[in-house]
Amino acid sequence: MSQLFEYVQKLLSQGYSSSSIRSTLLSAGYSPYEIDMAFSQTSHNRITTLPLVLALVLVLALIAGGIYLFAPGPELPLTFSIDVLTPRVTSGDQATIAAQITNPNPGKISATLQVVVRAPNGTTYPSQKTALVEEQASVPFLISLPADASGKHVVTAKLTWKSQSSTQTAAFEVTRARKTVTFENREQHAIDIQQTCPLGCDDQNFCTTCESVPVVPCCGNRNCEAQESEATCLIDCTKRITSTDIREEALKLARTNLQQSITTCGTLAQQSYVDECLATVSDQSSNKLPCEQIVSDDLRDACYIPFSYNNDFTVCEKITNQAIKNSCFVLASVQGTQGG
């Protein structure tokens, strides 16, 4: 009977209907009783195993649901933004940059923020901080800029946490700090320009940059410009004698008070004017002392040459131009030979 049961079960599993199986078995000589017993065992087996299968399916469904409900979701990325709190910065000051970091996940996350400020000439100013972010965190940066900084500076901020990172950029403008050049500090201002300019680029005019670009307004150019007033540039915006008046006064003093004449030339606003005034005073007084105060090498050499023609060859060593210096020594040798 067990063989008949297994045969009926096999046919049922293959999709044959109960009626076709019964018909086939009756034709094969099995009695209706044997066939009913085989089908009853098959039905009993289905009835007893079906609840177990359903129970197993239900347990698996409950386990899967519990995993879905109670398992933690995927970690969300941090977000951040940067703000330049000082969009226009004066050279020599500090740029203030703030980063706002948001953590959408529960718990705290350690993050590293790298900020790099790049100047137009390629110079970089890096800074780095680490923050423990629970919900939100604000991270400030103070970037010190040199006194010669200028132009558009670009800020690149990179936030790194775990194995992830994000980058933001911003920009700010740096303007040069304007110095008010007064009569009292103009000489120091001229020295500062000579120290900051590359060799050979200084045109001896503090009213231009090293690239000979006019500086407007320029306090000390004897012109009260629209941006100047008595409060900001007294030397330009008050009534005073002109540079011509100063030169004429220096020439008057050349024969009576040479030292005062030299001092008067020094009150002129620009060094080129001062040098010309000193050369004229030297010629007027027939004295080489003013030549020593001349800054321009060419004009100083020209100031010394007339004295060599008058047999004062002590000036030869003071001449800068080597060709002129050699000529001076040759003339001294000739005059010494003739005198001998």
C-alpha atoms as a PDB file:
ATOM      1  CA  MET A   1       0.000   0.000   0.000  1.00  0.00           C
ATOM      2  CA  SER A   2       2.860   2.320   0.690  1.00  0.00           C
ATOM      3  CA  GLN A   3       4.034   1.943  -2.906  1.00  0.00           C
ATOM      4  CA  LEU A   4       0.570   2.920  -4.165  1.00  0.00           C
ATOM      5  CA  PHE A   5       0.544   5.932  -1.824  1.00  0.00           C
ATOM      6  CA  GLU A   6       3.944   7.084  -3.092  1.00  0.00           C
ATOM      7  CA  TYR A   7       2.805   6.621  -6.692  1.00  0.00           C
ATOM      8  CA  VAL A   8      -0.370   8.675  -6.135  1.00  0.00           C
ATOM      9  CA  GLN A   9       1.662  11.392  -4.359  1.00  0.00           C
ATOM     10  CA  LYS A  10       4.135  11.514  -7.242  1.00  0.00           C
ATOM     11  CA  LEU A  11       1.358  11.885  -9.837  1.00  0.00           C
ATOM     12  CA  LEU A  12      -0.305  14.639  -7.803  1.00  0.00           C
ATOM     13  CA  SER A  13       2.992  16.488  -7.531  1.00  0.00           C
ATOM     14  CA  GLN A  14       3.331  16.256 -11.319  1.00  0.00           C
ATOM     15  CA  GLY A  15      -0.007  18.038 -11.758  1.00  0.00           C
ATOM     16  CA  TYR A  16      -2.342  15.146 -12.603  1.00  0.00           C
ATOM     17  CA  SER A  17      -5.919  15.478 -11.354  1.00  0.00           C
ATOM     18  CA  SER A  18      -7.401  13.114  -8.782  1.00  0.00           C
ATOM     19  CA  SER A  19     -10.024  11.876 -11.245  1.00  0.00           C
ATOM     20  CA  SER A  20      -7.491  10.977 -13.923  1.00  0.00           C
ATOM     21  CA  ILE A  21      -5.327   9.179 -11.367  1.00  0.00           C
ATOM     22  CA  ARG A  22      -8.338   7.189 -10.064  1.00  0.00           C
ATOM     23  CA  SER A  23      -9.342   6.231 -13.604  1.00  0.00           C
ATOM     24  CA  THR A  24      -5.819   5.096 -14.406  1.00  0.00           C
ATOM     25  CA  LEU A  25      -5.535   3.045 -11.194  1.00  0.00           C
ATOM     26  CA  LEU A  26      -8.970   1.396 -11.706  1.00  0.00           C
ATOM     27  CA  SER A  27      -7.894   0.437 -15.235  1.00  0.00           C
ATOM     28  CA  ALA A  28      -4.693  -1.017 -13.753  1.00  0.00           C
ATOM     29  CA  GLY A  29      -6.749  -3.369 -11.525  1.00  0.00           C
ATOM     30  CA  TYR A  30      -6.602  -1.568  -8.182  1.00  0.00           C
ATOM     31  CA  SER A  31      -9.812  -1.756  -6.139  1.00  0.00           C
ATOM     32  CA  PRO A  32     -11.706   1.405  -5.192  1.00  0.00           C
ATOM     33  CA  TYR A  33     -10.859   0.663  -1.550  1.00  0.00           C
ATOM     34  CA  GLU A  34      -7.110   0.604  -2.236  1.00  0.00           C
ATOM     35  CA  ILE A  35      -7.347   3.771  -4.261  1.00  0.00           C
ATOM     36  CA  ASP A  36      -9.345   5.582  -1.526  1.00  0.00           C
ATOM     37  CA  MET A  37      -6.821   4.513   1.123  1.00  0.00           C
ATOM     38  CA  ALA A  38      -3.919   5.854  -0.993  1.00  0.00           C
ATOM     39  CA  PHE A  39      -5.691   9.178  -1.517  1.00  0.00           C
ATOM     40  CA  SER A  40      -6.657   9.390   2.181  1.00  0.00           C
ATOM     41  CA  GLN A  41      -3.027   9.006   3.247  1.00  0.00           C
ATOM     42  CA  THR A  42      -2.043  11.686   0.761  1.00  0.00           C
ATOM     43  CA  SER A  43      -4.700  14.100   2.098  1.00  0.00           C
ATOM     44  CA  HIS A  44      -3.700  13.353   5.698  1.00  0.00           C
ATOM     45  CA  ASN A  45      -0.086  14.149   4.929  1.00  0.00           C
ATOM     46  CA  ARG A  46      -1.033  17.474   3.334  1.00  0.00           C
ATOM     47  CA  ILE A  47      -3.236  18.380   6.291  1.00  0.00           C
ATOM     48  CA  THR A  48      -0.548  17.608   8.853  1.00  0.00           C
ATOM     49  CA  THR A  49       2.356  19.362   7.027  1.00  0.00           C
ATOM     50  CA  LEU A  50       0.515  22.481   5.865  1.00  0.00           C
ATOM     51  CA  PRO A  51       0.224  24.122   9.335  1.00  0.00           C
ATOM     52  CA  LEU A  52       3.913  23.535   9.911  1.00  0.00           C
ATOM     53  CA  VAL A  53       4.777  25.202   6.640  1.00  0.00           C
ATOM     54  CA  LEU A  54       2.496  28.138   7.400  1.00  0.00           C
ATOM     55  CA  ALA A  55       3.945  28.485  10.872  1.00  0.00           C
ATOM     56  CA  LEU A  56       7.478  28.492   9.477  1.00  0.00           C
ATOM     57  CA  VAL A  57       6.560  31.140   6.916  1.00  0.00           C
ATOM     58  CA  LEU A  58       4.962  33.278   9.646  1.00  0.00           C
ATOM     59  CA  VAL A  59       8.047  33.033  11.885  1.00  0.00           C
ATOM     60  CA  LEU A  60      10.334  34.028   9.016  1.00  0.00           C
ATOM     61  CA  ALA A  61       8.091  36.986   8.207  1.00  0.00           C
ATOM     62  CA  LEU A  62       8.173  38.161  11.834  1.00  0.00           C
ATOM     63  CA  ILE A  63      11.973  37.875  11.949  1.00  0.00           C
ATOM     64  CA  ALA A  64      12.362  39.845   8.706  1.00  0.00           C
ATOM     65  CA  GLY A  65       9.970  42.517   9.968  1.00  0.00           C
ATOM     66  CA  GLY A  66      11.884  42.859  13.213  1.00  0.00           C
ATOM     67  CA  ILE A  67      15.164  43.286  11.364  1.00  0.00           C
ATOM     68  CA  TYR A  68      13.618  45.971   9.158  1.00  0.00           C
ATOM     69  CA  LEU A  69      12.047  47.866  12.064  1.00  0.00           C
ATOM     70  CA  PHE A  70      14.881  47.751  14.545  1.00  0.00           C
ATOM     71  CA  ALA A  71      18.024  47.695  12.377  1.00  0.00           C
ATOM     72  CA  PRO A  72      19.756  51.157  12.109  1.00  0.00           C
ATOM     73  CA  GLY A  73      19.347  52.951   8.776  1.00  0.00           C
ATOM     74  CA  PRO A  74      22.273  54.010   6.546  1.00  0.00           C
ATOM     75  CA  GLU A  75      24.422  56.886   7.834  1.00  0.00           C
ATOM     76  CA  LEU A  76      23.663  60.227   6.170  1.00  0.00           C
ATOM     77  CA  PRO A  77      26.491  62.539   5.038  1.00  0.00           C
ATOM     78  CA  LEU A  78      27.443  65.670   6.956  1.00  0.00           C
ATOM     79  CA  THR A  79      26.637  68.969   5.281  1.00  0.00           C
ATOM     80  CA  PHE A  80      28.474  72.253   5.717  1.00  0.00           C
ATOM     81  CA  SER A  81      28.800  75.763   4.345  1.00  0.00           C
ATOM     82  CA  ILE A  82      31.408  78.517   4.698  1.00  0.00           C
ATOM     83  CA  ASP A  83      30.894  82.241   5.083  1.00  0.00           C
ATOM     84  CA  VAL A  84      33.485  85.002   4.841  1.00  0.00           C
ATOM     85  CA  LEU A  85      32.410  87.359   7.600  1.00  0.00           C
ATOM     86  CA  THR A  86      34.768  90.056   6.282  1.00  0.00           C
ATOM     87  CA  PRO A  87      34.131  90.184   2.495  1.00  0.00           C
ATOM     88  CA  ARG A  88      36.515  93.167   2.155  1.00  0.00           C
ATOM     89  CA  VAL A  89      39.719  92.975   4.154  1.00  0.00           C
ATOM     90  CA  THR A  90      42.458  95.575   4.494  1.00  0.00           C
ATOM     91  CA  SER A  91      45.992  94.289   3.953  1.00  0.00           C
ATOM     92  CA  GLY A  92      47.702  93.491   7.224  1.00  0.00           C
ATOM     93  CA  ASP A  93      44.389  92.618   8.918  1.00  0.00           C
ATOM     94  CA  GLN A  94      42.684  89.258   9.523  1.00  0.00           C
ATOM     95  CA  ALA A  95      40.056  87.568   7.382  1.00  0.00           C
ATOM     96  CA  THR A  96      37.286  85.932   9.458  1.00  0.00           C
ATOM     97  CA  ILE A  97      35.858  82.722   7.994  1.00  0.00           C
ATOM     98  CA  ALA A  98      33.123  80.626   9.654  1.00  0.00           C
ATOM     99  CA  ALA A  99      32.106  77.063   8.744  1.00  0.00           C
ATOM    100  CA  GLN A 100      28.635  75.757   9.689  1.00  0.00           C
ATOM    101  CA  ILE A 101      28.502  71.923   9.968  1.00  0.00           C
ATOM    102  CA  THR A 102      25.257  69.929  10.266  1.00  0.00           C
ATOM    103  CA  ASN A 103      25.042  66.269  11.378  1.00  0.00           C
ATOM    104  CA  PRO A 104      21.683  64.605  10.430  1.00  0.00           C
ATOM    105  CA  ASN A 105      22.612  61.366  12.215  1.00  0.00           C
ATOM    106  CA  PRO A 106      22.061  60.441  15.879  1.00  0.00           C
ATOM    107  CA  GLY A 107      25.144  60.671  18.050  1.00  0.00           C
ATOM    108  CA  LYS A 108      28.371  62.624  17.602  1.00  0.00           C
ATOM    109  CA  ILE A 109      30.724  62.504  14.609  1.00  0.00           C
ATOM    110  CA  SER A 110      34.314  63.748  14.633  1.00  0.00           C
ATOM    111  CA  ALA A 111      35.135  65.843  11.557  1.00  0.00           C
ATOM    112  CA  THR A 112      38.258  67.646  10.352  1.00  0.00           C
ATOM    113  CA  LEU A 113      38.000  70.974   8.534  1.00  0.00           C
ATOM    114  CA  GLN A 114      40.896  72.201   6.383  1.00  0.00           C
ATOM    115  CA  VAL A 115      40.781  75.809   5.141  1.00  0.00           C
ATOM    116  CA  VAL A 116      43.255  77.165   2.567  1.00  0.00           C
ATOM    117  CA  VAL A 117      43.276  80.813   1.443  1.00  0.00           C
ATOM    118  CA  ARG A 118      45.039  81.365  -1.892  1.00  0.00           C
ATOM    119  CA  ALA A 119      46.300  84.839  -2.895  1.00  0.00           C
ATOM    120  CA  PRO A 120      46.426  86.015  -6.537  1.00  0.00           C
ATOM    121  CA  ASN A 121      50.202  85.460  -6.603  1.00  0.00           C
ATOM    122  CA  GLY A 122      49.797  81.822  -5.535  1.00  0.00           C
ATOM    123  CA  THR A 123      50.717  82.250  -1.868  1.00  0.00           C
ATOM    124  CA  THR A 124      48.583  80.061   0.403  1.00  0.00           C
ATOM    125  CA  TYR A 125      47.545  80.482   4.032  1.00  0.00           C
ATOM    126  CA  PRO A 126      46.391  77.074   5.419  1.00  0.00           C
ATOM    127  CA  SER A 127      44.590  76.326   8.680  1.00  0.00           C
ATOM    128  CA  GLN A 128      43.000  73.176  10.155  1.00  0.00           C
ATOM    129  CA  LYS A 129      40.615  72.389  13.021  1.00  0.00           C
ATOM    130  CA  THR A 130      38.791  69.301  14.339  1.00  0.00           C
ATOM    131  CA  ALA A 131      35.204  69.463  15.621  1.00  0.00           C
ATOM    132  CA  LEU A 132      32.894  66.974  17.378  1.00  0.00           C
ATOM    133  CA  VAL A 133      29.517  67.499  15.704  1.00  0.00           C
ATOM    134  CA  GLU A 134      26.348  66.296  17.448  1.00  0.00           C
ATOM    135  CA  GLU A 135      23.683  68.273  15.598  1.00  0.00           C
ATOM    136  CA  GLN A 136      25.326  71.515  14.484  1.00  0.00           C
ATOM    137  CA  ALA A 137      28.711  73.114  15.004  1.00  0.00           C
ATOM    138  CA  SER A 138      30.186  76.478  14.034  1.00  0.00           C
ATOM    139  CA  VAL A 139      33.955  76.519  13.448  1.00  0.00           C
ATOM    140  CA  PRO A 140      35.643  79.976  13.092  1.00  0.00           C
ATOM    141  CA  PHE A 141      38.965  80.675  11.369  1.00  0.00           C
ATOM    142  CA  LEU A 142      41.101  83.841  11.589  1.00  0.00           C
ATOM    143  CA  ILE A 143      43.541  84.122   8.671  1.00  0.00           C
ATOM    144  CA  SER A 144      46.246  86.784   9.074  1.00  0.00           C
ATOM    145  CA  LEU A 145      47.207  88.561   5.858  1.00  0.00           C
ATOM    146  CA  PRO A 146      50.540  90.313   5.162  1.00  0.00           C
ATOM    147  CA  ALA A 147      50.803  94.054   4.725  1.00  0.00           C
ATOM    148  CA  ASP A 148      51.406  93.722   0.983  1.00  0.00           C
ATOM    149  CA  ALA A 149      48.361  91.506   0.306  1.00  0.00           C
ATOM    150  CA  SER A 150      45.847  92.694  -2.298  1.00  0.00           C
ATOM    151  CA  GLY A 151      43.317  91.447  -4.835  1.00  0.00           C
ATOM    152  CA  LYS A 152      40.836  88.566  -4.870  1.00  0.00           C
ATOM    153  CA  HIS A 153      41.633  85.747  -2.419  1.00  0.00           C
ATOM    154  CA  VAL A 154      39.945  82.340  -2.854  1.00  0.00           C
ATOM    155  CA  VAL A 155      38.944  80.194   0.142  1.00  0.00           C
ATOM    156  CA  THR A 156      38.795  76.390  -0.245  1.00  0.00           C
ATOM    157  CA  ALA A 157      37.343  74.448   2.704  1.00  0.00           C
ATOM    158  CA  LYS A 158      37.413  70.626   2.856  1.00  0.00           C
ATOM    159  CA  LEU A 159      35.381  68.729   5.482  1.00  0.00           C
ATOM    160  CA  THR A 160      36.528  65.155   6.161  1.00  0.00           C
ATOM    161  CA  TRP A 161      34.780  62.580   8.385  1.00  0.00           C
ATOM    162  CA  LYS A 162      35.316  58.812   8.513  1.00  0.00           C
ATOM    163  CA  SER A 163      35.935  57.890   4.849  1.00  0.00           C
ATOM    164  CA  GLN A 164      33.890  60.738   3.360  1.00  0.00           C
ATOM    165  CA  SER A 165      34.668  64.342   2.425  1.00  0.00           C
ATOM    166  CA  SER A 166      33.041  67.456   0.996  1.00  0.00           C
ATOM    167  CA  THR A 167      34.475  70.715  -0.386  1.00  0.00           C
ATOM    168  CA  GLN A 168      33.168  74.302  -0.473  1.00  0.00           C
ATOM    169  CA  THR A 169      34.694  77.504  -1.889  1.00  0.00           C
ATOM    170  CA  ALA A 170      34.273  81.241  -1.305  1.00  0.00           C
ATOM    171  CA  ALA A 171      36.171  84.454  -2.059  1.00  0.00           C
ATOM    172  CA  PHE A 172      36.940  87.850  -0.567  1.00  0.00           C
ATOM    173  CA  GLU A 173      38.721  91.027  -1.675  1.00  0.00           C
ATOM    174  CA  VAL A 174      41.825  92.474  -0.033  1.00  0.00           C
ATOM    175  CA  THR A 175      42.556  96.178  -0.432  1.00  0.00           C
ATOM    176  CA  ARG A 176      45.833  97.897   0.329  1.00  0.00           C
ATOM    177  CA  ALA A 177      45.893 100.042   3.446  1.00  0.00           C
ATOM    178  CA  ARG A 178      46.411 103.680   2.467  1.00  0.00           C
ATOM    179  CA  LYS A 179      49.089 105.595   4.300  1.00  0.00           C
ATOM    180  CA  THR A 180      48.692 109.296   4.876  1.00  0.00           C
ATOM    181  CA  VAL A 181      52.016 110.849   3.943  1.00  0.00           C
ATOM    182  CA  THR A 182      52.586 114.084   5.836  1.00  0.00           C
ATOM    183  CA  PHE A 183      55.416 116.521   5.633  1.00  0.00           C
ATOM    184  CA  GLU A 184      56.888 115.066   8.811  1.00  0.00           C
ATOM    185  CA  ASN A 185      57.002 111.405   7.685  1.00  0.00           C
ATOM    186  CA  ARG A 186      57.610 111.764   3.937  1.00  0.00           C
ATOM    187  CA  GLU A 187      61.310 110.859   4.222  1.00  0.00           C
ATOM    188  CA  GLN A 188      60.525 107.625   6.082  1.00  0.00           C
ATOM    189  CA  HIS A 189      57.814 106.907   3.542  1.00  0.00           C
ATOM    190  CA  ALA A 190      60.335 107.266   0.725  1.00  0.00           C
ATOM    191  CA  ILE A 191      62.699 104.872   2.533  1.00  0.00           C
ATOM    192  CA  ASP A 192      59.865 102.349   2.944  1.00  0.00           C
ATOM    193  CA  ILE A 193      59.135 102.493  -0.784  1.00  0.00           C
ATOM    194  CA  GLN A 194      62.789 101.952  -1.669  1.00  0.00           C
ATOM    195  CA  GLN A 195      62.936  98.920   0.641  1.00  0.00           C
ATOM    196  CA  THR A 196      59.794  97.284  -0.795  1.00  0.00           C
ATOM    197  CA  CYS A 197      60.490  97.973  -4.478  1.00  0.00           C
ATOM    198  CA  PRO A 198      62.743  95.615  -6.465  1.00  0.00           C
ATOM    199  CA  LEU A 199      66.148  97.031  -7.338  1.00  0.00           C
ATOM    200  CA  GLY A 200      65.919  99.481 -10.185  1.00  0.00           C
ATOM    201  CA  CYS A 201      62.139  99.942 -10.245  1.00  0.00           C
ATOM    202  CA  ASP A 202      61.828 102.904  -7.889  1.00  0.00           C
ATOM    203  CA  ASP A 203      61.246 106.093  -9.856  1.00  0.00           C
ATOM    204  CA  GLN A 204      61.877 108.276  -6.774  1.00  0.00           C
ATOM    205  CA  ASN A 205      58.234 109.298  -6.829  1.00  0.00           C
ATOM    206  CA  PHE A 206      56.172 108.209  -3.849  1.00  0.00           C
ATOM    207  CA  CYS A 207      52.999 109.175  -5.737  1.00  0.00           C
ATOM    208  CA  THR A 208      53.411 106.129  -8.003  1.00  0.00           C
ATOM    209  CA  THR A 209      53.619 102.436  -7.236  1.00  0.00           C
ATOM    210  CA  CYS A 210      56.681 100.360  -8.001  1.00  0.00           C
ATOM    211  CA  GLU A 211      55.168  99.760 -11.452  1.00  0.00           C
ATOM    212  CA  SER A 212      54.840 103.565 -11.975  1.00  0.00           C
ATOM    213  CA  VAL A 213      51.066 103.447 -11.581  1.00  0.00           C
ATOM    214  CA  PRO A 214      49.764 106.739 -10.130  1.00  0.00           C
ATOM    215  CA  VAL A 215      48.619 106.638  -6.507  1.00  0.00           C
ATOM    216  CA  VAL A 216      45.421 108.673  -6.101  1.00  0.00           C
ATOM    217  CA  PRO A 217      45.034 110.453  -3.800  1.00  0.00           C
ATOM    218  CA  CYS A 218      48.666 111.081  -2.964  1.00  0.00           C
ATOM    219  CA  CYS A 219      49.279 113.163   0.132  1.00  0.00           C
ATOM    220  CA  GLY A 220      52.415 115.206  -0.395  1.00  0.00           C
ATOM    221  CA  ASN A 221      52.155 115.957  -4.127  1.00  0.00           C
ATOM    222  CA  ARG A 222      51.206 119.597  -3.444  1.00  0.00           C
ATOM    223  CA  ASN A 223      47.776 118.980  -4.967  1.00  0.00           C
ATOM    224  CA  CYS A 224      44.643 118.884  -2.808  1.00  0.00           C
ATOM    225  CA  GLU A 225      42.729 116.129  -4.602  1.00  0.00           C
ATOM    226  CA  ALA A 226      39.006 115.392  -4.369  1.00  0.00           C
ATOM    227  CA  GLN A 227      39.506 112.631  -1.795  1.00  0.00           C
ATOM    228  CA  GLU A 228      41.712 114.846   0.425  1.00  0.00           C
ATOM    229  CA  SER A 229      40.937 117.545   2.960  1.00  0.00           C
ATOM    230  CA  GLU A 230      42.780 119.499   5.637  1.00  0.00           C
ATOM    231  CA  ALA A 231      41.835 116.698   8.081  1.00  0.00           C
ATOM    232  CA  THR A 232      43.410 113.929   5.965  1.00  0.00           C
ATOM    233  CA  CYS A 233      46.279 115.775   4.236  1.00  0.00           C
ATOM    234  CA  LEU A 234      47.210 119.091   5.754  1.00  0.00           C
ATOM    235  CA  ILE A 235      50.292 119.538   3.595  1.00  0.00           C
ATOM    236  CA  ASP A 236      48.275 119.435   0.354  1.00  0.00           C
ATOM    237  CA  CYS A 237      45.086 121.192   1.407  1.00  0.00           C
ATOM    238  CA  THR A 238      46.338 124.337   3.154  1.00  0.00           C
ATOM    239  CA  LYS A 239      47.676 127.510   1.611  1.00  0.00           C
ATOM    240  CA  ARG A 240      51.455 127.382   1.354  1.00  0.00           C
ATOM    241  CA  ILE A 241      54.366 128.396  -0.806  1.00  0.00           C
ATOM    242  CA  THR A 242      54.906 126.495  -4.071  1.00  0.00           C
ATOM    243  CA  SER A 243      57.879 124.353  -5.004  1.00  0.00           C
ATOM    244  CA  THR A 244      59.101 127.199  -7.197  1.00  0.00           C
ATOM    245  CA  ASP A 245      59.047 129.508  -4.173  1.00  0.00           C
ATOM    246  CA  ILE A 246      61.085 126.958  -2.219  1.00  0.00           C
ATOM    247  CA  ARG A 247      63.727 126.642  -4.942  1.00  0.00           C
ATOM    248  CA  GLU A 248      64.028 130.427  -5.280  1.00  0.00           C
ATOM    249  CA  GLU A 249      64.436 130.773  -1.517  1.00  0.00           C
ATOM    250  CA  ALA A 250      67.148 128.083  -1.530  1.00  0.00           C
ATOM    251  CA  LEU A 251      69.057 129.961  -4.279  1.00  0.00           C
ATOM    252  CA  LYS A 252      68.877 133.195  -2.302  1.00  0.00           C
ATOM    253  CA  LEU A 253      70.409 131.465   0.696  1.00  0.00           C
ATOM    254  CA  ALA A 254      73.065 129.643  -1.374  1.00  0.00           C
ATOM    255  CA  ARG A 255      75.740 132.354  -0.976  1.00  0.00           C
ATOM    256  CA  THR A 256      74.856 133.567   2.513  1.00  0.00           C
ATOM    257  CA  ASN A 257      73.779 130.454   4.439  1.00  0.00           C
ATOM    258  CA  LEU A 258      74.671 127.253   2.589  1.00  0.00           C
ATOM    259  CA  GLN A 259      73.407 124.850   5.264  1.00  0.00           C
ATOM    260  CA  GLN A 260      70.046 126.628   5.464  1.00  0.00           C
ATOM    261  CA  SER A 261      69.878 126.537   1.667  1.00  0.00           C
ATOM    262  CA  ILE A 262      70.382 122.751   1.696  1.00  0.00           C
ATOM    263  CA  THR A 263      67.704 122.378   4.381  1.00  0.00           C
ATOM    264  CA  THR A 264      65.293 124.473   2.319  1.00  0.00           C
ATOM    265  CA  CYS A 265      65.779 122.181  -0.697  1.00  0.00           C
ATOM    266  CA  GLY A 266      64.936 119.238   1.543  1.00  0.00           C
ATOM    267  CA  THR A 267      61.462 120.624   2.200  1.00  0.00           C
ATOM    268  CA  LEU A 268      60.404 119.902  -1.384  1.00  0.00           C
ATOM    269  CA  ALA A 269      57.851 117.085  -1.652  1.00  0.00           C
ATOM    270  CA  GLN A 270      59.594 114.779  -4.125  1.00  0.00           C
ATOM    271  CA  GLN A 271      63.178 113.550  -4.110  1.00  0.00           C
ATOM    272  CA  SER A 272      63.685 114.413  -7.765  1.00  0.00           C
ATOM    273  CA  TYR A 273      62.834 118.057  -6.958  1.00  0.00           C
ATOM    274  CA  VAL A 274      65.165 117.964  -3.955  1.00  0.00           C
ATOM    275  CA  ASP A 275      68.058 116.637  -6.083  1.00  0.00           C
ATOM    276  CA  GLU A 276      67.576 119.313  -8.752  1.00  0.00           C
ATOM    277  CA  CYS A 277      67.437 122.024  -6.098  1.00  0.00           C
ATOM    278  CA  LEU A 278      70.660 120.788  -4.470  1.00  0.00           C
ATOM    279  CA  ALA A 279      72.492 120.677  -7.807  1.00  0.00           C
ATOM    280  CA  THR A 280      71.429 124.264  -8.516  1.00  0.00           C
ATOM    281  CA  VAL A 281      72.505 125.422  -5.028  1.00  0.00           C
ATOM    282  CA  SER A 282      75.890 123.724  -5.535  1.00  0.00           C
ATOM    283  CA  ASP A 283      76.390 125.562  -8.816  1.00  0.00           C
ATOM    284  CA  GLN A 284      75.191 128.865  -7.333  1.00  0.00           C
ATOM    285  CA  SER A 285      77.448 128.616  -4.277  1.00  0.00           C
ATOM    286  CA  SER A 286      80.399 126.943  -6.057  1.00  0.00           C
ATOM    287  CA  ASN A 287      80.413 124.431  -3.208  1.00  0.00           C
ATOM    288  CA  LYS A 288      80.377 120.638  -3.566  1.00  0.00           C
ATOM    289  CA  LEU A 289      78.706 120.051  -0.173  1.00  0.00           C
ATOM    290  CA  PRO A 290      75.138 120.010  -1.619  1.00  0.00           C
ATOM    291  CA  CYS A 291      76.221 117.330  -4.133  1.00  0.00           C
ATOM    292  CA  GLU A 292      76.705 114.862  -1.289  1.00  0.00           C
ATOM    293  CA  GLN A 293      72.992 115.088  -0.394  1.00  0.00           C
ATOM    294  CA  ILE A 294      71.776 114.168  -3.911  1.00  0.00           C
ATOM    295  CA  VAL A 295      70.169 110.686  -4.113  1.00  0.00           C
ATOM    296  CA  SER A 296      70.227 110.215  -7.902  1.00  0.00           C
ATOM    297  CA  ASP A 297      73.597 108.786  -8.992  1.00  0.00           C
ATOM    298  CA  ASP A 298      73.532 110.470 -12.405  1.00  0.00           C
ATOM    299  CA  LEU A 299      72.622 113.891 -11.044  1.00  0.00           C
ATOM    300  CA  ARG A 300      75.171 113.587  -8.234  1.00  0.00           C
ATOM    301  CA  ASP A 301      77.925 112.723 -10.711  1.00  0.00           C
ATOM    302  CA  ALA A 302      76.894 115.700 -12.873  1.00  0.00           C
ATOM    303  CA  CYS A 303      77.090 117.874  -9.773  1.00  0.00           C
ATOM    304  CA  TYR A 304      80.702 116.808  -9.101  1.00  0.00           C
ATOM    305  CA  ILE A 305      82.054 117.124 -12.674  1.00  0.00           C
ATOM    306  CA  PRO A 306      82.434 120.987 -12.721  1.00  0.00           C
ATOM    307  CA  PHE A 307      84.663 120.794  -9.647  1.00  0.00           C
ATOM    308  CA  SER A 308      87.042 118.392 -11.421  1.00  0.00           C
ATOM    309  CA  TYR A 309      87.281 120.887 -14.286  1.00  0.00           C
ATOM    310  CA  ASN A 310      88.326 123.448 -11.685  1.00  0.00           C
ATOM    311  CA  ASN A 311      91.131 121.120 -10.556  1.00  0.00           C
ATOM    312  CA  ASP A 312      89.349 119.872  -7.445  1.00  0.00           C
ATOM    313  CA  PHE A 313      90.097 116.184  -8.000  1.00  0.00           C
ATOM    314  CA  THR A 314      88.950 115.138  -4.526  1.00  0.00           C
ATOM    315  CA  VAL A 315      85.563 114.544  -6.155  1.00  0.00           C
ATOM    316  CA  CYS A 316      86.886 111.730  -8.376  1.00  0.00           C
ATOM    317  CA  GLU A 317      86.441 109.085  -5.674  1.00  0.00           C
ATOM    318  CA  LYS A 318      82.856 110.231  -5.083  1.00  0.00           C
ATOM    319  CA  ILE A 319      81.749 109.795  -8.699  1.00  0.00           C
ATOM    320  CA  THR A 320      79.642 106.652  -9.254  1.00  0.00           C
ATOM    321  CA  ASN A 321      79.830 106.235 -13.033  1.00  0.00           C
ATOM    322  CA  GLN A 322      83.053 104.321 -13.674  1.00  0.00           C
ATOM    323  CA  ALA A 323      83.739 105.919 -17.057  1.00  0.00           C
ATOM    324  CA  ILE A 324      83.352 109.432 -15.669  1.00  0.00           C
ATOM    325  CA  LYS A 325      85.426 108.486 -12.630  1.00  0.00           C
ATOM    326  CA  ASN A 326      88.252 107.233 -14.878  1.00  0.00           C
ATOM    327  CA  SER A 327      88.115 110.436 -16.916  1.00  0.00           C
ATOM    328  CA  CYS A 328      88.387 112.426 -13.717  1.00  0.00           C
ATOM    329  CA  PHE A 329      91.510 110.533 -12.666  1.00  0.00           C
ATOM    330  CA  VAL A 330      93.047 110.925 -16.157  1.00  0.00           C
ATOM    331  CA  LEU A 331      92.401 114.670 -16.002  1.00  0.00           C
ATOM    332  CA  ALA A 332      94.000 114.785 -12.556  1.00  0.00           C
ATOM    333  CA  SER A 333      97.044 112.917 -13.896  1.00  0.00           C
ATOM    334  CA  VAL A 334      97.364 115.270 -16.856  1.00  0.00           C
ATOM    335  CA  GLN A 335      97.037 118.351 -14.725  1.00  0.00           C
ATOM    336  CA  GLY A 336      99.614 116.943 -12.291  1.00  0.00           C
ATOM    337  CA  THR A 337     102.071 116.311 -15.130  1.00  0.00           C
ATOM    338  CA  GLN A 338     101.636 119.777 -16.554  1.00  0.00           C
ATOM    339  CA  GLY A 339     102.011 121.324 -13.166  1.00  0.00           C
ATOM    340  CA  GLY A 340     105.227 119.394 -12.626  1.00  0.00           C
END
